[in-house]
N, C-alpha and C. Protein backbone atom coordinates (compact mmCIF):
# COMPACT_ATOMS: atom_id res chain seq x y z
N MET A 1 -26.13 -62.94 -87.85
CA MET A 1 -26.55 -62.79 -86.46
C MET A 1 -27.92 -63.47 -86.29
N ASN A 2 -28.01 -64.44 -85.38
CA ASN A 2 -29.25 -65.16 -85.13
C ASN A 2 -29.93 -64.63 -83.87
N ILE A 3 -31.22 -64.35 -83.98
CA ILE A 3 -31.99 -63.80 -82.86
C ILE A 3 -33.26 -64.61 -82.68
N VAL A 4 -33.48 -65.09 -81.46
CA VAL A 4 -34.73 -65.74 -81.10
C VAL A 4 -35.64 -64.70 -80.45
N ILE A 5 -36.91 -64.73 -80.81
CA ILE A 5 -37.90 -63.80 -80.27
C ILE A 5 -38.87 -64.54 -79.37
N ALA A 6 -39.20 -63.94 -78.22
CA ALA A 6 -40.21 -64.51 -77.33
C ALA A 6 -41.16 -63.41 -76.89
N ASP A 7 -42.43 -63.55 -77.28
CA ASP A 7 -43.46 -62.57 -76.92
C ASP A 7 -44.80 -63.28 -76.98
N ASP A 8 -45.68 -63.00 -76.01
CA ASP A 8 -46.95 -63.72 -75.98
C ASP A 8 -47.93 -63.25 -77.05
N ASP A 9 -47.62 -62.15 -77.71
CA ASP A 9 -48.46 -61.65 -78.80
C ASP A 9 -47.87 -62.13 -80.13
N LYS A 10 -48.57 -63.04 -80.78
CA LYS A 10 -48.04 -63.64 -82.02
C LYS A 10 -47.87 -62.61 -83.14
N LEU A 11 -48.77 -61.63 -83.19
CA LEU A 11 -48.65 -60.60 -84.22
C LEU A 11 -47.40 -59.76 -84.00
N VAL A 12 -47.10 -59.46 -82.72
CA VAL A 12 -45.89 -58.71 -82.40
C VAL A 12 -44.67 -59.52 -82.81
N CYS A 13 -44.69 -60.80 -82.53
CA CYS A 13 -43.57 -61.66 -82.93
C CYS A 13 -43.31 -61.59 -84.43
N GLN A 14 -44.38 -61.71 -85.20
CA GLN A 14 -44.23 -61.66 -86.66
C GLN A 14 -43.74 -60.30 -87.13
N ALA A 15 -44.25 -59.24 -86.49
CA ALA A 15 -43.81 -57.89 -86.85
C ALA A 15 -42.33 -57.71 -86.54
N LEU A 16 -41.90 -58.20 -85.37
CA LEU A 16 -40.49 -58.09 -85.00
C LEU A 16 -39.60 -58.89 -85.95
N LYS A 17 -40.06 -60.07 -86.30
CA LYS A 17 -39.30 -60.90 -87.24
C LYS A 17 -39.13 -60.18 -88.58
N THR A 18 -40.21 -59.57 -89.06
CA THR A 18 -40.16 -58.83 -90.32
C THR A 18 -39.20 -57.65 -90.23
N ILE A 19 -39.30 -56.90 -89.14
CA ILE A 19 -38.42 -55.74 -88.95
C ILE A 19 -36.96 -56.17 -88.91
N LEU A 20 -36.67 -57.18 -88.09
CA LEU A 20 -35.28 -57.61 -87.92
C LEU A 20 -34.70 -58.18 -89.21
N GLU A 21 -35.48 -59.00 -89.90
CA GLU A 21 -34.95 -59.65 -91.10
C GLU A 21 -34.94 -58.72 -92.31
N SER A 22 -35.47 -57.50 -92.13
CA SER A 22 -35.32 -56.51 -93.20
C SER A 22 -33.86 -56.07 -93.30
N ASP A 23 -33.12 -56.32 -92.23
CA ASP A 23 -31.68 -56.09 -92.24
C ASP A 23 -31.00 -57.40 -92.66
N GLY A 24 -30.24 -57.35 -93.71
CA GLY A 24 -29.65 -58.56 -94.27
C GLY A 24 -28.72 -59.32 -93.35
N GLU A 25 -28.27 -58.67 -92.26
CA GLU A 25 -27.33 -59.33 -91.35
C GLU A 25 -28.04 -60.13 -90.26
N ILE A 26 -29.36 -60.02 -90.18
CA ILE A 26 -30.10 -60.61 -89.06
C ILE A 26 -31.02 -61.73 -89.55
N HIS A 27 -31.00 -62.86 -88.83
CA HIS A 27 -31.88 -64.00 -89.13
C HIS A 27 -32.61 -64.39 -87.85
N VAL A 28 -33.90 -64.66 -87.96
CA VAL A 28 -34.71 -65.10 -86.82
C VAL A 28 -35.09 -66.56 -87.04
N PRO A 29 -34.37 -67.50 -86.40
CA PRO A 29 -34.63 -68.92 -86.65
C PRO A 29 -35.84 -69.47 -85.91
N ALA A 30 -36.29 -68.77 -84.85
CA ALA A 30 -37.40 -69.33 -84.07
C ALA A 30 -38.11 -68.23 -83.28
N ILE A 31 -39.39 -68.51 -83.00
CA ILE A 31 -40.23 -67.59 -82.23
C ILE A 31 -40.95 -68.39 -81.14
N GLY A 32 -41.02 -67.83 -79.93
CA GLY A 32 -41.75 -68.46 -78.85
C GLY A 32 -42.76 -67.50 -78.26
N ASN A 33 -43.75 -68.04 -77.54
CA ASN A 33 -44.81 -67.20 -76.99
C ASN A 33 -44.95 -67.29 -75.47
N THR A 34 -44.08 -68.08 -74.81
CA THR A 34 -44.11 -68.20 -73.36
C THR A 34 -42.68 -68.17 -72.82
N ALA A 35 -42.57 -67.98 -71.51
CA ALA A 35 -41.25 -67.99 -70.87
C ALA A 35 -40.59 -69.36 -71.01
N ASP A 36 -41.38 -70.43 -70.85
CA ASP A 36 -40.82 -71.78 -70.99
C ASP A 36 -40.31 -72.02 -72.41
N GLU A 37 -41.06 -71.55 -73.40
CA GLU A 37 -40.62 -71.70 -74.79
C GLU A 37 -39.34 -70.92 -75.02
N ALA A 38 -39.22 -69.74 -74.42
CA ALA A 38 -38.01 -68.94 -74.57
C ALA A 38 -36.80 -69.71 -74.08
N VAL A 39 -36.93 -70.36 -72.93
CA VAL A 39 -35.81 -71.13 -72.38
C VAL A 39 -35.46 -72.30 -73.29
N GLU A 40 -36.47 -73.03 -73.74
CA GLU A 40 -36.22 -74.19 -74.60
C GLU A 40 -35.62 -73.78 -75.95
N LEU A 41 -36.12 -72.68 -76.51
CA LEU A 41 -35.59 -72.23 -77.80
C LEU A 41 -34.15 -71.75 -77.66
N TYR A 42 -33.83 -71.14 -76.52
CA TYR A 42 -32.43 -70.73 -76.31
C TYR A 42 -31.53 -71.96 -76.26
N LYS A 43 -31.98 -73.00 -75.56
CA LYS A 43 -31.18 -74.23 -75.49
C LYS A 43 -30.97 -74.83 -76.87
N GLU A 44 -32.03 -74.82 -77.67
CA GLU A 44 -31.98 -75.47 -78.98
C GLU A 44 -31.15 -74.69 -79.99
N TYR A 45 -31.32 -73.36 -80.02
CA TYR A 45 -30.70 -72.57 -81.08
C TYR A 45 -29.44 -71.81 -80.65
N LYS A 46 -29.25 -71.64 -79.35
CA LYS A 46 -28.10 -70.87 -78.85
C LYS A 46 -27.91 -69.59 -79.67
N PRO A 47 -28.92 -68.72 -79.71
CA PRO A 47 -28.86 -67.52 -80.56
C PRO A 47 -27.82 -66.52 -80.06
N ASP A 48 -27.43 -65.62 -80.92
CA ASP A 48 -26.53 -64.54 -80.52
C ASP A 48 -27.22 -63.63 -79.51
N ILE A 49 -28.53 -63.43 -79.70
CA ILE A 49 -29.34 -62.59 -78.81
C ILE A 49 -30.72 -63.21 -78.69
N ILE A 50 -31.31 -63.14 -77.49
CA ILE A 50 -32.72 -63.49 -77.35
C ILE A 50 -33.47 -62.21 -77.00
N LEU A 51 -34.47 -61.89 -77.79
CA LEU A 51 -35.28 -60.67 -77.63
C LEU A 51 -36.59 -61.08 -76.98
N MET A 52 -36.81 -60.63 -75.74
CA MET A 52 -37.96 -61.12 -74.97
C MET A 52 -38.85 -60.01 -74.43
N ASP A 53 -40.14 -60.35 -74.35
CA ASP A 53 -41.10 -59.52 -73.64
C ASP A 53 -40.94 -59.79 -72.13
N ILE A 54 -41.54 -58.96 -71.29
CA ILE A 54 -41.51 -59.18 -69.85
C ILE A 54 -42.68 -60.06 -69.42
N ARG A 55 -43.89 -59.60 -69.64
CA ARG A 55 -45.07 -60.36 -69.19
C ARG A 55 -45.52 -61.33 -70.28
N MET A 56 -45.41 -62.62 -69.94
CA MET A 56 -45.80 -63.66 -70.90
C MET A 56 -46.57 -64.74 -70.16
N GLY A 57 -47.80 -64.44 -69.76
CA GLY A 57 -48.60 -65.44 -69.05
C GLY A 57 -48.17 -65.56 -67.59
N GLU A 58 -48.20 -66.80 -67.08
CA GLU A 58 -47.91 -67.02 -65.66
C GLU A 58 -46.46 -66.71 -65.31
N LYS A 59 -45.55 -66.98 -66.23
CA LYS A 59 -44.14 -66.71 -66.00
C LYS A 59 -43.70 -65.52 -66.85
N THR A 60 -42.73 -64.79 -66.36
CA THR A 60 -42.28 -63.59 -67.05
C THR A 60 -40.98 -63.82 -67.83
N GLY A 61 -40.66 -62.83 -68.63
CA GLY A 61 -39.37 -62.86 -69.31
C GLY A 61 -38.22 -62.80 -68.32
N ILE A 62 -38.45 -62.17 -67.17
CA ILE A 62 -37.44 -62.14 -66.11
C ILE A 62 -37.17 -63.55 -65.61
N ASP A 63 -38.25 -64.33 -65.38
CA ASP A 63 -38.10 -65.73 -64.96
C ASP A 63 -37.27 -66.50 -65.98
N ALA A 64 -37.62 -66.32 -67.25
CA ALA A 64 -36.88 -67.01 -68.32
C ALA A 64 -35.43 -66.55 -68.35
N GLY A 65 -35.22 -65.26 -68.16
CA GLY A 65 -33.85 -64.73 -68.18
C GLY A 65 -32.97 -65.35 -67.13
N TRP A 66 -33.48 -65.48 -65.90
CA TRP A 66 -32.70 -66.10 -64.82
C TRP A 66 -32.36 -67.55 -65.16
N ARG A 67 -33.31 -68.28 -65.74
CA ARG A 67 -33.06 -69.68 -66.11
C ARG A 67 -32.02 -69.78 -67.22
N ILE A 68 -32.10 -68.86 -68.16
CA ILE A 68 -31.15 -68.88 -69.28
C ILE A 68 -29.73 -68.58 -68.81
N VAL A 69 -29.56 -67.52 -67.99
CA VAL A 69 -28.21 -67.13 -67.57
C VAL A 69 -27.63 -68.13 -66.57
N ALA A 70 -28.49 -68.89 -65.88
CA ALA A 70 -27.99 -69.92 -64.97
C ALA A 70 -27.17 -70.96 -65.72
N GLU A 71 -27.59 -71.27 -66.94
CA GLU A 71 -26.87 -72.26 -67.75
C GLU A 71 -25.96 -71.61 -68.79
N ASN A 72 -26.23 -70.34 -69.10
CA ASN A 72 -25.46 -69.64 -70.13
C ASN A 72 -25.11 -68.24 -69.63
N PRO A 73 -24.09 -68.12 -68.78
CA PRO A 73 -23.76 -66.83 -68.16
C PRO A 73 -23.47 -65.72 -69.16
N ASP A 74 -23.03 -66.09 -70.36
CA ASP A 74 -22.70 -65.08 -71.37
C ASP A 74 -23.86 -64.76 -72.30
N ALA A 75 -25.05 -65.26 -71.99
CA ALA A 75 -26.21 -65.03 -72.85
C ALA A 75 -26.48 -63.53 -73.00
N ARG A 76 -26.80 -63.13 -74.23
CA ARG A 76 -27.18 -61.75 -74.49
C ARG A 76 -28.71 -61.68 -74.50
N ILE A 77 -29.27 -61.09 -73.46
CA ILE A 77 -30.73 -60.97 -73.34
C ILE A 77 -31.11 -59.50 -73.50
N LEU A 78 -32.04 -59.25 -74.41
CA LEU A 78 -32.53 -57.90 -74.64
C LEU A 78 -34.04 -57.91 -74.43
N PHE A 79 -34.50 -57.13 -73.45
CA PHE A 79 -35.93 -57.07 -73.17
C PHE A 79 -36.59 -55.97 -74.00
N LEU A 80 -37.75 -56.30 -74.57
CA LEU A 80 -38.54 -55.34 -75.34
C LEU A 80 -39.97 -55.45 -74.83
N THR A 81 -40.46 -54.42 -74.16
CA THR A 81 -41.72 -54.53 -73.46
C THR A 81 -42.47 -53.20 -73.43
N THR A 82 -43.71 -53.26 -72.99
CA THR A 82 -44.48 -52.02 -72.79
C THR A 82 -44.39 -51.56 -71.34
N PHE A 83 -43.75 -52.37 -70.49
CA PHE A 83 -43.74 -52.09 -69.06
C PHE A 83 -42.43 -51.48 -68.60
N ALA A 84 -42.52 -50.30 -67.98
CA ALA A 84 -41.32 -49.61 -67.48
C ALA A 84 -41.31 -49.59 -65.95
N ASP A 85 -41.79 -50.67 -65.34
CA ASP A 85 -41.82 -50.76 -63.89
C ASP A 85 -40.39 -50.85 -63.34
N ASN A 86 -40.12 -50.08 -62.29
CA ASN A 86 -38.78 -50.09 -61.70
C ASN A 86 -38.32 -51.48 -61.31
N GLU A 87 -39.24 -52.28 -60.74
CA GLU A 87 -38.84 -53.61 -60.27
C GLU A 87 -38.38 -54.48 -61.44
N TYR A 88 -39.04 -54.38 -62.58
CA TYR A 88 -38.63 -55.15 -63.74
C TYR A 88 -37.26 -54.69 -64.25
N ILE A 89 -37.07 -53.39 -64.28
CA ILE A 89 -35.80 -52.84 -64.78
C ILE A 89 -34.65 -53.26 -63.89
N ILE A 90 -34.83 -53.16 -62.58
CA ILE A 90 -33.77 -53.55 -61.65
C ILE A 90 -33.48 -55.04 -61.77
N GLU A 91 -34.53 -55.87 -61.89
CA GLU A 91 -34.32 -57.31 -62.04
C GLU A 91 -33.58 -57.62 -63.34
N ALA A 92 -33.91 -56.88 -64.39
CA ALA A 92 -33.21 -57.06 -65.66
C ALA A 92 -31.72 -56.75 -65.51
N LEU A 93 -31.43 -55.67 -64.80
CA LEU A 93 -30.03 -55.32 -64.54
C LEU A 93 -29.35 -56.40 -63.70
N LYS A 94 -30.04 -56.88 -62.67
CA LYS A 94 -29.44 -57.87 -61.78
C LYS A 94 -29.09 -59.16 -62.51
N LEU A 95 -29.97 -59.59 -63.39
CA LEU A 95 -29.70 -60.87 -64.07
C LEU A 95 -28.67 -60.73 -65.19
N GLY A 96 -28.31 -59.48 -65.49
CA GLY A 96 -27.27 -59.26 -66.49
C GLY A 96 -27.79 -59.05 -67.90
N ALA A 97 -29.06 -58.65 -68.02
CA ALA A 97 -29.60 -58.36 -69.35
C ALA A 97 -28.78 -57.26 -70.02
N LYS A 98 -28.65 -57.37 -71.32
CA LYS A 98 -27.85 -56.41 -72.07
C LYS A 98 -28.64 -55.17 -72.49
N GLY A 99 -29.95 -55.22 -72.29
CA GLY A 99 -30.73 -54.05 -72.67
C GLY A 99 -32.17 -54.16 -72.24
N TYR A 100 -32.85 -53.00 -72.25
CA TYR A 100 -34.26 -52.92 -71.86
C TYR A 100 -34.86 -51.77 -72.66
N LEU A 101 -35.75 -52.10 -73.58
CA LEU A 101 -36.35 -51.11 -74.46
C LEU A 101 -37.87 -51.16 -74.37
N LEU A 102 -38.50 -50.05 -74.69
CA LEU A 102 -39.95 -50.01 -74.75
C LEU A 102 -40.42 -50.22 -76.19
N LYS A 103 -41.55 -50.90 -76.33
CA LYS A 103 -42.00 -51.32 -77.66
C LYS A 103 -42.34 -50.17 -78.59
N GLN A 104 -42.71 -49.03 -78.02
CA GLN A 104 -43.08 -47.93 -78.92
C GLN A 104 -41.89 -47.41 -79.72
N ASN A 105 -40.68 -47.77 -79.32
CA ASN A 105 -39.49 -47.31 -80.04
C ASN A 105 -39.03 -48.34 -81.05
N PHE A 106 -39.93 -48.71 -81.97
CA PHE A 106 -39.62 -49.76 -82.94
C PHE A 106 -38.42 -49.39 -83.81
N GLU A 107 -38.25 -48.09 -84.07
CA GLU A 107 -37.16 -47.68 -84.96
C GLU A 107 -35.79 -47.93 -84.34
N SER A 108 -35.76 -48.13 -83.02
CA SER A 108 -34.47 -48.33 -82.35
C SER A 108 -34.11 -49.81 -82.21
N ILE A 109 -34.98 -50.71 -82.64
CA ILE A 109 -34.74 -52.13 -82.40
C ILE A 109 -33.49 -52.65 -83.11
N ILE A 110 -33.39 -52.38 -84.40
CA ILE A 110 -32.22 -52.89 -85.14
C ILE A 110 -30.92 -52.28 -84.62
N PRO A 111 -30.82 -50.95 -84.45
CA PRO A 111 -29.59 -50.39 -83.88
C PRO A 111 -29.28 -50.96 -82.50
N SER A 112 -30.30 -51.19 -81.70
CA SER A 112 -30.09 -51.71 -80.35
C SER A 112 -29.57 -53.15 -80.39
N VAL A 113 -30.16 -53.94 -81.26
CA VAL A 113 -29.72 -55.33 -81.41
C VAL A 113 -28.25 -55.37 -81.85
N LYS A 114 -27.90 -54.52 -82.78
CA LYS A 114 -26.51 -54.50 -83.26
C LYS A 114 -25.56 -54.02 -82.17
N ALA A 115 -26.02 -53.07 -81.36
CA ALA A 115 -25.19 -52.57 -80.27
C ALA A 115 -24.94 -53.68 -79.24
N VAL A 116 -26.00 -54.42 -78.90
CA VAL A 116 -25.85 -55.53 -77.95
C VAL A 116 -24.92 -56.60 -78.53
N TYR A 117 -25.08 -56.88 -79.82
CA TYR A 117 -24.22 -57.88 -80.47
C TYR A 117 -22.75 -57.47 -80.41
N SER A 118 -22.50 -56.17 -80.47
CA SER A 118 -21.11 -55.68 -80.44
C SER A 118 -20.56 -55.57 -79.02
N GLY A 119 -21.39 -55.90 -78.02
CA GLY A 119 -20.89 -55.93 -76.66
C GLY A 119 -21.36 -54.78 -75.77
N GLN A 120 -22.24 -53.93 -76.28
CA GLN A 120 -22.72 -52.80 -75.49
C GLN A 120 -24.00 -53.15 -74.73
N ASN A 121 -24.28 -52.37 -73.70
CA ASN A 121 -25.57 -52.45 -73.02
C ASN A 121 -26.45 -51.33 -73.55
N VAL A 122 -27.73 -51.62 -73.72
CA VAL A 122 -28.65 -50.65 -74.31
C VAL A 122 -29.88 -50.48 -73.43
N TYR A 123 -30.02 -49.30 -72.85
CA TYR A 123 -31.21 -48.98 -72.07
C TYR A 123 -31.79 -47.69 -72.64
N GLY A 124 -33.07 -47.76 -73.05
CA GLY A 124 -33.71 -46.62 -73.68
C GLY A 124 -33.74 -45.40 -72.78
N GLU A 125 -33.87 -44.23 -73.39
CA GLU A 125 -33.88 -42.98 -72.63
C GLU A 125 -34.98 -42.97 -71.57
N GLU A 126 -36.14 -43.54 -71.92
CA GLU A 126 -37.25 -43.56 -70.96
C GLU A 126 -36.89 -44.40 -69.74
N ILE A 127 -36.14 -45.47 -69.97
CA ILE A 127 -35.76 -46.36 -68.88
C ILE A 127 -34.76 -45.67 -67.96
N VAL A 128 -33.78 -45.02 -68.56
CA VAL A 128 -32.80 -44.28 -67.77
C VAL A 128 -33.48 -43.19 -66.96
N ALA A 129 -34.42 -42.48 -67.60
CA ALA A 129 -35.15 -41.42 -66.91
C ALA A 129 -35.99 -41.97 -65.77
N LYS A 130 -36.55 -43.15 -65.99
CA LYS A 130 -37.39 -43.78 -64.96
C LYS A 130 -36.57 -44.08 -63.70
N LEU A 131 -35.33 -44.47 -63.91
CA LEU A 131 -34.46 -44.80 -62.79
C LEU A 131 -33.72 -43.58 -62.26
N SER A 132 -33.86 -42.44 -62.94
CA SER A 132 -33.01 -41.29 -62.64
C SER A 132 -33.82 -40.02 -62.42
N PRO A 133 -34.59 -39.93 -61.33
CA PRO A 133 -35.42 -38.75 -61.12
C PRO A 133 -34.65 -37.54 -60.66
N VAL A 134 -33.36 -37.67 -60.33
CA VAL A 134 -32.59 -36.51 -59.91
C VAL A 134 -31.72 -36.04 -61.06
N SER A 135 -31.32 -34.80 -61.00
CA SER A 135 -30.52 -34.21 -62.08
C SER A 135 -29.10 -34.72 -62.05
N GLY A 136 -28.37 -34.47 -63.13
CA GLY A 136 -26.97 -34.88 -63.21
C GLY A 136 -26.12 -34.28 -62.11
N GLU A 137 -26.35 -33.01 -61.79
CA GLU A 137 -25.57 -32.36 -60.74
C GLU A 137 -25.89 -32.97 -59.37
N GLU A 138 -27.17 -33.27 -59.15
CA GLU A 138 -27.54 -33.90 -57.89
C GLU A 138 -26.93 -35.28 -57.78
N GLN A 139 -26.88 -35.99 -58.92
CA GLN A 139 -26.27 -37.31 -58.93
C GLN A 139 -24.80 -37.24 -58.53
N LYS A 140 -24.07 -36.28 -59.08
CA LYS A 140 -22.66 -36.13 -58.73
C LYS A 140 -22.50 -35.84 -57.24
N LYS A 141 -23.41 -35.01 -56.72
CA LYS A 141 -23.35 -34.66 -55.31
C LYS A 141 -23.59 -35.90 -54.45
N ASN A 142 -24.59 -36.72 -54.84
CA ASN A 142 -24.88 -37.95 -54.10
C ASN A 142 -23.67 -38.86 -54.04
N LEU A 143 -23.04 -39.08 -55.19
CA LEU A 143 -21.88 -39.96 -55.24
C LEU A 143 -20.71 -39.39 -54.47
N LEU A 144 -20.54 -38.07 -54.55
CA LEU A 144 -19.43 -37.43 -53.85
C LEU A 144 -19.58 -37.57 -52.34
N GLU A 145 -20.82 -37.42 -51.86
CA GLU A 145 -21.05 -37.48 -50.42
C GLU A 145 -20.98 -38.90 -49.88
N LYS A 146 -21.44 -39.86 -50.65
CA LYS A 146 -21.54 -41.23 -50.15
C LYS A 146 -20.27 -42.05 -50.36
N TYR A 147 -19.52 -41.76 -51.40
CA TYR A 147 -18.39 -42.61 -51.76
C TYR A 147 -17.16 -41.76 -52.06
N ASP A 148 -16.01 -42.36 -51.85
CA ASP A 148 -14.75 -41.67 -52.08
C ASP A 148 -14.37 -41.78 -53.55
N LEU A 149 -15.11 -41.05 -54.40
CA LEU A 149 -14.91 -41.12 -55.84
C LEU A 149 -14.45 -39.77 -56.39
N THR A 150 -13.52 -39.82 -57.31
CA THR A 150 -13.07 -38.59 -57.97
C THR A 150 -14.05 -38.23 -59.07
N ASP A 151 -13.94 -37.01 -59.59
CA ASP A 151 -14.79 -36.58 -60.70
C ASP A 151 -14.62 -37.51 -61.90
N ARG A 152 -13.37 -37.88 -62.19
CA ARG A 152 -13.10 -38.75 -63.33
C ARG A 152 -13.73 -40.13 -63.13
N GLU A 153 -13.65 -40.66 -61.91
CA GLU A 153 -14.26 -41.96 -61.63
C GLU A 153 -15.77 -41.91 -61.79
N ARG A 154 -16.39 -40.82 -61.34
CA ARG A 154 -17.84 -40.67 -61.50
C ARG A 154 -18.22 -40.59 -62.98
N ASP A 155 -17.40 -39.89 -63.75
CA ASP A 155 -17.67 -39.79 -65.18
C ASP A 155 -17.62 -41.17 -65.84
N ILE A 156 -16.63 -41.97 -65.46
CA ILE A 156 -16.47 -43.30 -66.05
C ILE A 156 -17.63 -44.21 -65.64
N ILE A 157 -18.05 -44.13 -64.38
CA ILE A 157 -19.20 -44.93 -63.94
C ILE A 157 -20.44 -44.59 -64.77
N GLN A 158 -20.65 -43.30 -65.01
CA GLN A 158 -21.81 -42.88 -65.81
C GLN A 158 -21.72 -43.44 -67.22
N LYS A 159 -20.53 -43.40 -67.82
CA LYS A 159 -20.37 -43.91 -69.19
C LYS A 159 -20.62 -45.41 -69.25
N VAL A 160 -20.17 -46.15 -68.23
CA VAL A 160 -20.43 -47.59 -68.18
C VAL A 160 -21.92 -47.85 -68.10
N ALA A 161 -22.61 -47.09 -67.25
CA ALA A 161 -24.07 -47.24 -67.10
C ALA A 161 -24.80 -46.90 -68.39
N ASP A 162 -24.23 -46.01 -69.19
CA ASP A 162 -24.82 -45.65 -70.48
C ASP A 162 -24.58 -46.71 -71.55
N GLY A 163 -23.77 -47.73 -71.21
CA GLY A 163 -23.54 -48.84 -72.12
C GLY A 163 -22.34 -48.69 -73.03
N LEU A 164 -21.47 -47.72 -72.74
CA LEU A 164 -20.30 -47.51 -73.60
C LEU A 164 -19.21 -48.54 -73.32
N SER A 165 -18.49 -48.91 -74.36
CA SER A 165 -17.34 -49.81 -74.21
C SER A 165 -16.14 -49.03 -73.70
N ASN A 166 -15.09 -49.74 -73.31
CA ASN A 166 -13.88 -49.06 -72.85
C ASN A 166 -13.32 -48.14 -73.93
N ARG A 167 -13.36 -48.58 -75.16
CA ARG A 167 -12.83 -47.76 -76.25
C ARG A 167 -13.64 -46.48 -76.42
N GLU A 168 -14.97 -46.62 -76.34
CA GLU A 168 -15.83 -45.44 -76.49
C GLU A 168 -15.65 -44.47 -75.32
N ILE A 169 -15.50 -45.02 -74.12
CA ILE A 169 -15.25 -44.16 -72.95
C ILE A 169 -13.93 -43.41 -73.14
N ALA A 170 -12.92 -44.12 -73.60
CA ALA A 170 -11.61 -43.50 -73.82
C ALA A 170 -11.72 -42.36 -74.83
N GLU A 171 -12.47 -42.58 -75.90
CA GLU A 171 -12.62 -41.55 -76.92
C GLU A 171 -13.37 -40.33 -76.38
N GLU A 172 -14.43 -40.57 -75.61
CA GLU A 172 -15.23 -39.45 -75.11
C GLU A 172 -14.51 -38.64 -74.03
N LEU A 173 -13.67 -39.32 -73.24
CA LEU A 173 -13.00 -38.64 -72.13
C LEU A 173 -11.54 -38.32 -72.45
N PHE A 174 -11.14 -38.60 -73.70
CA PHE A 174 -9.77 -38.31 -74.17
C PHE A 174 -8.73 -38.99 -73.28
N LEU A 175 -8.96 -40.28 -73.05
CA LEU A 175 -8.03 -41.10 -72.28
C LEU A 175 -7.57 -42.28 -73.11
N GLY A 176 -6.53 -42.95 -72.67
CA GLY A 176 -6.11 -44.18 -73.31
C GLY A 176 -7.03 -45.32 -72.86
N GLU A 177 -7.20 -46.32 -73.73
CA GLU A 177 -8.08 -47.44 -73.38
C GLU A 177 -7.54 -48.18 -72.16
N GLY A 178 -6.23 -48.30 -72.07
CA GLY A 178 -5.62 -48.94 -70.91
C GLY A 178 -5.88 -48.16 -69.63
N THR A 179 -5.89 -46.84 -69.75
CA THR A 179 -6.17 -45.99 -68.58
C THR A 179 -7.60 -46.21 -68.09
N VAL A 180 -8.53 -46.34 -69.03
CA VAL A 180 -9.91 -46.60 -68.66
C VAL A 180 -10.02 -47.94 -67.92
N ARG A 181 -9.32 -48.97 -68.42
CA ARG A 181 -9.34 -50.27 -67.76
C ARG A 181 -8.80 -50.16 -66.34
N ASN A 182 -7.74 -49.40 -66.18
CA ASN A 182 -7.16 -49.22 -64.85
C ASN A 182 -8.14 -48.52 -63.92
N TYR A 183 -8.79 -47.47 -64.44
CA TYR A 183 -9.79 -46.76 -63.64
C TYR A 183 -10.90 -47.71 -63.20
N LEU A 184 -11.37 -48.55 -64.13
CA LEU A 184 -12.46 -49.46 -63.81
C LEU A 184 -12.05 -50.46 -62.72
N SER A 185 -10.82 -50.96 -62.80
CA SER A 185 -10.34 -51.88 -61.77
C SER A 185 -10.34 -51.21 -60.40
N ILE A 186 -9.88 -49.96 -60.37
CA ILE A 186 -9.84 -49.21 -59.10
C ILE A 186 -11.25 -48.97 -58.58
N ILE A 187 -12.15 -48.56 -59.49
CA ILE A 187 -13.54 -48.27 -59.10
C ILE A 187 -14.22 -49.52 -58.53
N LEU A 188 -14.07 -50.67 -59.24
CA LEU A 188 -14.71 -51.90 -58.79
C LEU A 188 -14.18 -52.33 -57.43
N GLU A 189 -12.88 -52.17 -57.23
CA GLU A 189 -12.29 -52.53 -55.94
C GLU A 189 -12.78 -51.57 -54.84
N LYS A 190 -12.83 -50.29 -55.18
CA LYS A 190 -13.25 -49.28 -54.20
C LYS A 190 -14.69 -49.49 -53.75
N LEU A 191 -15.56 -49.90 -54.69
CA LEU A 191 -16.97 -50.07 -54.38
C LEU A 191 -17.33 -51.52 -54.04
N ASN A 192 -16.31 -52.40 -54.06
CA ASN A 192 -16.51 -53.82 -53.75
C ASN A 192 -17.54 -54.45 -54.68
N LEU A 193 -17.38 -54.18 -55.98
CA LEU A 193 -18.27 -54.71 -57.01
C LEU A 193 -17.50 -55.68 -57.89
N ARG A 194 -18.24 -56.58 -58.55
CA ARG A 194 -17.60 -57.64 -59.32
C ARG A 194 -17.35 -57.26 -60.78
N ASP A 195 -18.32 -56.58 -61.41
CA ASP A 195 -18.22 -56.37 -62.85
C ASP A 195 -18.99 -55.13 -63.29
N ARG A 196 -19.02 -54.91 -64.60
CA ARG A 196 -19.66 -53.72 -65.17
C ARG A 196 -21.16 -53.70 -64.91
N THR A 197 -21.79 -54.89 -64.92
CA THR A 197 -23.23 -54.94 -64.68
C THR A 197 -23.55 -54.47 -63.27
N GLN A 198 -22.79 -54.95 -62.28
CA GLN A 198 -23.00 -54.50 -60.92
C GLN A 198 -22.74 -53.00 -60.80
N LEU A 199 -21.76 -52.51 -61.56
CA LEU A 199 -21.46 -51.08 -61.52
C LEU A 199 -22.63 -50.27 -62.08
N ALA A 200 -23.26 -50.78 -63.15
CA ALA A 200 -24.42 -50.09 -63.72
C ALA A 200 -25.58 -50.07 -62.72
N ILE A 201 -25.79 -51.19 -62.03
CA ILE A 201 -26.84 -51.25 -61.01
C ILE A 201 -26.55 -50.24 -59.91
N PHE A 202 -25.29 -50.19 -59.49
CA PHE A 202 -24.87 -49.22 -58.46
C PHE A 202 -25.21 -47.80 -58.89
N TYR A 203 -24.90 -47.49 -60.14
CA TYR A 203 -25.13 -46.14 -60.66
C TYR A 203 -26.62 -45.79 -60.64
N TYR A 204 -27.45 -46.69 -61.18
CA TYR A 204 -28.87 -46.39 -61.27
C TYR A 204 -29.52 -46.32 -59.89
N LYS A 205 -29.11 -47.19 -58.96
CA LYS A 205 -29.67 -47.15 -57.62
C LYS A 205 -29.33 -45.83 -56.94
N ASN A 206 -28.11 -45.34 -57.13
CA ASN A 206 -27.70 -44.09 -56.51
C ASN A 206 -28.35 -42.90 -57.18
N LYS A 207 -28.72 -43.03 -58.44
CA LYS A 207 -29.42 -41.93 -59.11
C LYS A 207 -30.84 -41.77 -58.57
N GLN A 208 -31.31 -42.77 -57.86
CA GLN A 208 -32.63 -42.62 -57.25
C GLN A 208 -32.55 -41.87 -55.93
N GLY A 209 -31.35 -41.47 -55.57
CA GLY A 209 -31.20 -40.63 -54.39
C GLY A 209 -30.99 -41.42 -53.13
């Protein structure tokens, strides 16, 4: 698994490289320190994942992310930052980032990278809490009042927002994987959404009340 790192702090870059390469399955072929370098390194190395900071000088990791996905819609972008600003988190969701983690959770970096590589979305507990000031019961009430969703559909939306795959959702809700796919098709059509990323954005926006 090849991972490119972009962070304006060179010491952080080296620390991340050391942490990631301590796992024998991970290789870091290049490091960048600006948003422009992140874009160029992605073009050059086409990594499995690009691990980026948010604030990197005049341009942000968000800026770089939009440029990367414009040419590489399937790019796996994982943000690792000290900033938990709502606007950054929402923009990360909008551009299709696969994850958003805070730097103090260094122990979660390798598991998160592997989860993203396997196709999951990874948003740290602090990030979910930041977007979710209402309780789970209040969230269900909000969705029930605003949209024609069943309890099962609300449960599936929550699991998608938590980054679970169809197989994992099926296992947790004791359903067939095909049944989960059917539910998702119905949900996306009902809410006029295109894909799982838009569904996650829908979930988090509604959790804000």
